[in-house]
Amino acid sequence: MFLVLSGGDAVLALDFPPTETATPSVPKPLVLTPKETIRDSTNYPFPKPPRNYADRTPIQLDNDEETVPQGPALRELTDASTLGRIPAVNQDDRSRGKYYWHPSERWNYCHYREGDRQWYGWRTGEAFHWLLWRAGRFWWHDKDNQRWLYFDRGYWWWRDPKVPGQFLIILEDGHYHTCDANGVLGDDLMRTGTEEVFNAPVAKPSPEATPGTKHGGHHGKHHMDGGTGGDMPGGGMDGN
């Protein structure tokens, strides 16, 4: 193949170096100390969902334990202004086993103290999503794969305790992706047909498109509807 220049000279296309493709990357993973980490073997069941709003309006909700929390409610709960108020909320809400409702910009969040554990949650439709506050960040338990994920800079992360420098991250597609210590992304574990389970990689059936229903799919196929929508009672967002 030849390329013809305006001056009439011809050069081989191979004389031009190939265009470099940027390696997909995300923020450099945060490395937590052992004191900041929740061991995957730790069992902290989610609290029961609240049965009333702050004004005593009754609600009937079920905990969503299979959908990784995502969407606008999570982003609002984890923005800098809201995070800065959480230590004061934890100190002020002193009664154990009581549901405290706190308004934010568009969402109402529920705080629940269970012993020394601080839980925060919100409603989406008929489902309720719980996160655990620990060591200055939020955590969510992936019970299918027995992992405690921590939320940092817009993503859910898990550090592989057996492989130094290896992390898993859940992206917007709802899949686990491998990620190294520099933030360079690797395999989409759903597309490769494998899932990094607690002990070792296990072969899975042929990967399918991520379903939109709550209980579809096999382990590791996390859905994106947790906190992304729902009804709007009283003209406001869920939780009003």
Protein backbone atom coordinates (compact mmCIF):
# COMPACT_ATOMS: atom_id res chain seq x y z
CA MET A 1 0.00 0.00 0.00
CA PHE A 2 1.31 3.47 -0.96
CA LEU A 3 0.35 6.93 0.23
CA VAL A 4 0.71 9.75 -2.32
CA LEU A 5 1.90 13.08 -0.96
CA SER A 6 0.98 16.45 -2.42
CA GLY A 7 4.45 16.85 -3.86
CA GLY A 8 4.11 13.70 -5.92
CA ASP A 9 6.44 11.63 -3.76
CA ALA A 10 5.25 8.22 -2.62
CA VAL A 11 6.07 6.61 0.72
CA LEU A 12 5.19 3.29 2.23
CA ALA A 13 2.39 3.31 4.78
CA LEU A 14 4.68 1.27 7.00
CA ASP A 15 6.91 4.32 7.35
CA PHE A 16 4.32 5.74 9.74
CA PRO A 17 4.44 4.31 13.28
CA PRO A 18 1.23 2.62 14.46
CA THR A 19 -1.15 4.74 16.47
CA GLU A 20 -0.86 3.97 20.17
CA THR A 21 -4.04 2.97 21.96
CA ALA A 22 -4.38 4.24 25.50
CA THR A 23 -4.48 1.50 28.11
CA PRO A 24 -7.80 1.59 30.00
CA SER A 25 -7.21 2.88 33.48
CA VAL A 26 -8.99 4.06 36.61
CA PRO A 27 -7.77 5.90 39.71
CA LYS A 28 -4.87 4.20 41.44
CA PRO A 29 -6.37 1.75 43.98
CA LEU A 30 -6.31 2.76 47.60
CA VAL A 31 -4.32 0.32 49.72
CA LEU A 32 -5.94 -0.09 53.12
CA THR A 33 -4.16 -1.12 56.30
CA PRO A 34 -5.30 -4.29 58.08
CA LYS A 35 -7.06 -2.16 60.71
CA GLU A 36 -9.04 -0.40 57.98
CA THR A 37 -10.08 -3.59 56.24
CA ILE A 38 -13.05 -5.88 56.83
CA ARG A 39 -12.08 -9.51 56.45
CA ASP A 40 -14.11 -11.31 53.83
CA SER A 41 -14.97 -14.01 56.36
CA THR A 42 -16.65 -11.45 58.64
CA ASN A 43 -20.40 -11.89 58.83
CA TYR A 44 -22.37 -8.68 59.36
CA PRO A 45 -25.96 -9.31 58.23
CA PHE A 46 -27.81 -6.27 56.93
CA PRO A 47 -30.28 -4.74 59.38
CA LYS A 48 -33.96 -5.10 58.67
CA PRO A 49 -35.29 -2.28 56.48
CA PRO A 50 -37.13 0.56 58.21
CA ARG A 51 -40.91 0.26 58.42
CA ASN A 52 -41.67 3.95 58.80
CA TYR A 53 -40.38 7.30 57.60
CA ALA A 54 -39.43 10.01 60.06
CA ASP A 55 -43.06 11.31 59.96
CA ARG A 56 -44.26 7.77 60.85
CA THR A 57 -45.63 7.12 57.37
CA PRO A 58 -45.54 3.31 57.03
CA ILE A 59 -43.52 1.69 54.24
CA GLN A 60 -43.10 -1.94 53.21
CA LEU A 61 -39.61 -2.65 51.91
CA ASP A 62 -37.30 -5.61 51.36
CA ASN A 63 -33.53 -5.51 51.60
CA ASP A 64 -31.76 -5.81 48.26
CA GLU A 65 -28.79 -8.02 49.08
CA GLU A 66 -27.89 -9.00 45.52
CA THR A 67 -27.62 -5.69 43.67
CA VAL A 68 -24.41 -3.75 44.03
CA PRO A 69 -25.46 -0.20 45.06
CA GLN A 70 -24.90 2.34 42.31
CA GLY A 71 -26.49 5.47 40.91
CA PRO A 72 -27.37 9.00 42.06
CA ALA A 73 -28.26 8.12 45.65
CA LEU A 74 -24.85 6.52 46.18
CA ARG A 75 -23.06 9.43 44.52
CA GLU A 76 -24.85 11.91 46.75
CA LEU A 77 -24.18 9.91 49.90
CA THR A 78 -20.48 9.65 49.07
CA ASP A 79 -19.80 13.21 47.95
CA ALA A 80 -17.41 15.28 50.06
CA SER A 81 -20.05 17.42 51.76
CA THR A 82 -22.13 14.44 52.91
CA LEU A 83 -19.11 12.41 54.00
CA GLY A 84 -17.93 15.32 56.10
CA ARG A 85 -21.15 15.26 58.13
CA ILE A 86 -21.23 11.54 58.85
CA PRO A 87 -18.95 11.52 61.93
CA ALA A 88 -21.23 14.08 63.60
CA VAL A 89 -24.32 12.06 62.67
CA ASN A 90 -22.76 8.93 64.14
CA GLN A 91 -22.11 10.80 67.37
CA ASP A 92 -25.55 12.43 67.59
CA ASP A 93 -27.62 9.33 66.80
CA ARG A 94 -26.85 7.48 70.02
CA SER A 95 -29.70 5.01 70.43
CA ARG A 96 -28.99 1.51 69.22
CA GLY A 97 -31.60 -0.24 67.14
CA LYS A 98 -33.32 3.01 66.12
CA TYR A 99 -33.80 4.23 62.56
CA TYR A 100 -32.74 7.86 62.07
CA TRP A 101 -33.73 9.63 58.86
CA HIS A 102 -31.51 12.42 57.52
CA PRO A 103 -32.34 14.63 54.52
CA SER A 104 -29.77 15.32 51.85
CA GLU A 105 -29.99 17.39 48.67
CA ARG A 106 -32.41 15.07 46.88
CA TRP A 107 -32.53 11.91 48.98
CA ASN A 108 -33.36 10.95 52.54
CA TYR A 109 -30.95 8.51 54.16
CA CYS A 110 -31.53 6.22 57.08
CA HIS A 111 -28.89 5.76 59.77
CA TYR A 112 -29.01 2.70 61.99
CA ARG A 113 -26.64 2.01 64.88
CA GLU A 114 -26.06 -1.66 65.61
CA GLY A 115 -23.59 -2.04 68.46
CA ASP A 116 -20.41 -0.37 67.23
CA ARG A 117 -21.50 -0.67 63.59
CA GLN A 118 -22.96 2.25 61.67
CA TRP A 119 -25.29 1.44 58.77
CA TYR A 120 -26.59 3.86 56.13
CA GLY A 121 -29.28 3.12 53.61
CA TRP A 122 -31.88 4.43 51.20
CA ARG A 123 -34.98 3.33 49.41
CA THR A 124 -35.35 2.57 45.71
CA GLY A 125 -38.89 1.58 44.82
CA GLU A 126 -39.75 -1.33 47.10
CA ALA A 127 -36.11 -2.17 47.83
CA PHE A 128 -33.75 -0.89 50.52
CA HIS A 129 -29.97 -0.68 50.15
CA TRP A 130 -27.62 -0.84 53.15
CA LEU A 131 -23.97 0.22 53.37
CA LEU A 132 -21.66 -0.18 56.35
CA TRP A 133 -19.61 2.83 57.46
CA ARG A 134 -16.16 1.82 58.68
CA ALA A 135 -12.74 3.49 58.76
CA GLY A 136 -14.00 6.62 57.02
CA ARG A 137 -15.61 4.92 54.01
CA PHE A 138 -18.57 2.82 52.94
CA TRP A 139 -18.55 -0.94 52.50
CA TRP A 140 -20.92 -3.39 50.81
CA HIS A 141 -20.96 -7.16 51.20
CA ASP A 142 -21.08 -9.30 48.07
CA LYS A 143 -22.52 -12.40 49.69
CA ASP A 144 -22.35 -14.48 46.49
CA ASN A 145 -18.57 -14.18 46.31
CA GLN A 146 -17.94 -13.61 50.03
CA ARG A 147 -16.25 -10.22 49.62
CA TRP A 148 -16.40 -6.94 51.45
CA LEU A 149 -16.06 -4.18 48.86
CA TYR A 150 -15.05 -0.62 49.74
CA PHE A 151 -16.19 2.47 47.85
CA ASP A 152 -13.53 4.94 46.75
CA ARG A 153 -13.56 7.69 44.09
CA GLY A 154 -16.67 6.46 42.39
CA TYR A 155 -15.96 2.71 42.29
CA TRP A 156 -16.40 -0.42 44.35
CA TRP A 157 -13.06 -2.17 45.01
CA TRP A 158 -11.81 -5.46 46.40
CA ARG A 159 -8.19 -6.28 47.10
CA ASP A 160 -7.13 -9.86 46.55
CA PRO A 161 -5.44 -10.88 49.84
CA LYS A 162 -3.55 -13.70 48.13
CA VAL A 163 -2.12 -11.83 45.13
CA PRO A 164 -0.02 -8.75 45.96
CA GLY A 165 -0.96 -5.73 43.89
CA GLN A 166 -4.09 -7.34 42.46
CA PHE A 167 -7.49 -5.67 42.81
CA LEU A 168 -10.97 -6.18 41.45
CA ILE A 169 -13.17 -3.24 40.53
CA ILE A 170 -16.83 -3.05 39.50
CA LEU A 171 -17.33 -0.75 36.54
CA GLU A 172 -20.49 0.76 35.07
CA ASP A 173 -21.26 -2.47 33.24
CA GLY A 174 -21.80 -4.12 36.63
CA HIS A 175 -18.96 -6.62 36.08
CA TYR A 176 -15.84 -7.32 38.07
CA HIS A 177 -12.67 -6.26 36.23
CA THR A 178 -9.10 -6.96 37.25
CA CYS A 179 -6.96 -3.96 38.09
CA ASP A 180 -3.31 -3.63 39.07
CA ALA A 181 -1.80 -1.37 41.72
CA ASN A 182 -1.34 1.44 39.18
CA GLY A 183 -4.96 1.52 38.11
CA VAL A 184 -4.45 -0.30 34.79
CA LEU A 185 -7.49 -2.39 33.95
CA GLY A 186 -7.28 -6.01 32.89
CA ASP A 187 -9.88 -8.67 32.15
CA ASP A 188 -13.63 -8.30 32.38
CA LEU A 189 -14.29 -11.47 34.36
CA MET A 190 -17.73 -11.91 32.88
CA ARG A 191 -16.48 -11.70 29.30
CA THR A 192 -13.67 -14.14 29.98
CA GLY A 193 -16.18 -16.57 31.47
CA THR A 194 -14.34 -16.78 34.78
CA GLU A 195 -15.04 -15.35 38.19
CA GLU A 196 -12.38 -14.67 40.79
CA VAL A 197 -14.04 -16.42 43.67
CA PHE A 198 -12.85 -16.47 47.26
CA ASN A 199 -10.38 -19.30 46.83
CA ALA A 200 -9.48 -19.69 43.15
CA PRO A 201 -10.75 -18.92 39.63
CA VAL A 202 -13.66 -21.13 38.66
CA ALA A 203 -14.88 -21.76 35.11
CA LYS A 204 -18.35 -20.39 34.39
CA PRO A 205 -20.91 -20.96 31.63
CA SER A 206 -20.65 -18.84 28.51
CA PRO A 207 -21.04 -15.18 29.50
CA GLU A 208 -24.31 -13.46 28.72
CA ALA A 209 -25.43 -9.86 28.60
CA THR A 210 -26.05 -8.41 32.05
CA PRO A 211 -29.78 -8.90 32.74
CA GLY A 212 -31.96 -6.06 33.91
CA THR A 213 -34.00 -8.04 36.41
CA LYS A 214 -33.07 -8.35 40.03
CA HIS A 215 -32.40 -12.07 40.43
CA GLY A 216 -31.05 -13.02 36.99
CA GLY A 217 -27.58 -14.25 36.22
CA HIS A 218 -24.92 -16.13 38.13
CA HIS A 219 -22.46 -15.03 40.75
CA GLY A 220 -20.43 -11.98 39.87
CA LYS A 221 -23.13 -10.60 37.56
CA HIS A 222 -24.01 -7.53 39.58
CA HIS A 223 -26.80 -5.33 38.34
CA MET A 224 -26.88 -1.58 38.12
CA ASP A 225 -30.39 -0.79 39.36
CA GLY A 226 -29.42 -0.28 43.00
CA GLY A 227 -30.20 3.37 43.62
CA THR A 228 -30.59 4.44 40.03
CA GLY A 229 -34.31 4.93 40.02
CA GLY A 230 -37.61 4.28 41.73
CA ASP A 231 -40.79 6.07 42.48
CA MET A 232 -40.98 9.70 43.53
CA PRO A 233 -43.46 9.95 46.43
CA GLY A 234 -44.74 13.41 47.16
CA GLY A 235 -42.84 14.88 44.24
CA GLY A 236 -39.44 14.09 45.78
CA MET A 237 -36.88 11.35 45.50
CA ASP A 238 -37.10 8.01 47.34
CA GLY A 239 -37.05 8.34 51.08
CA ASN A 240 -39.17 11.49 51.30
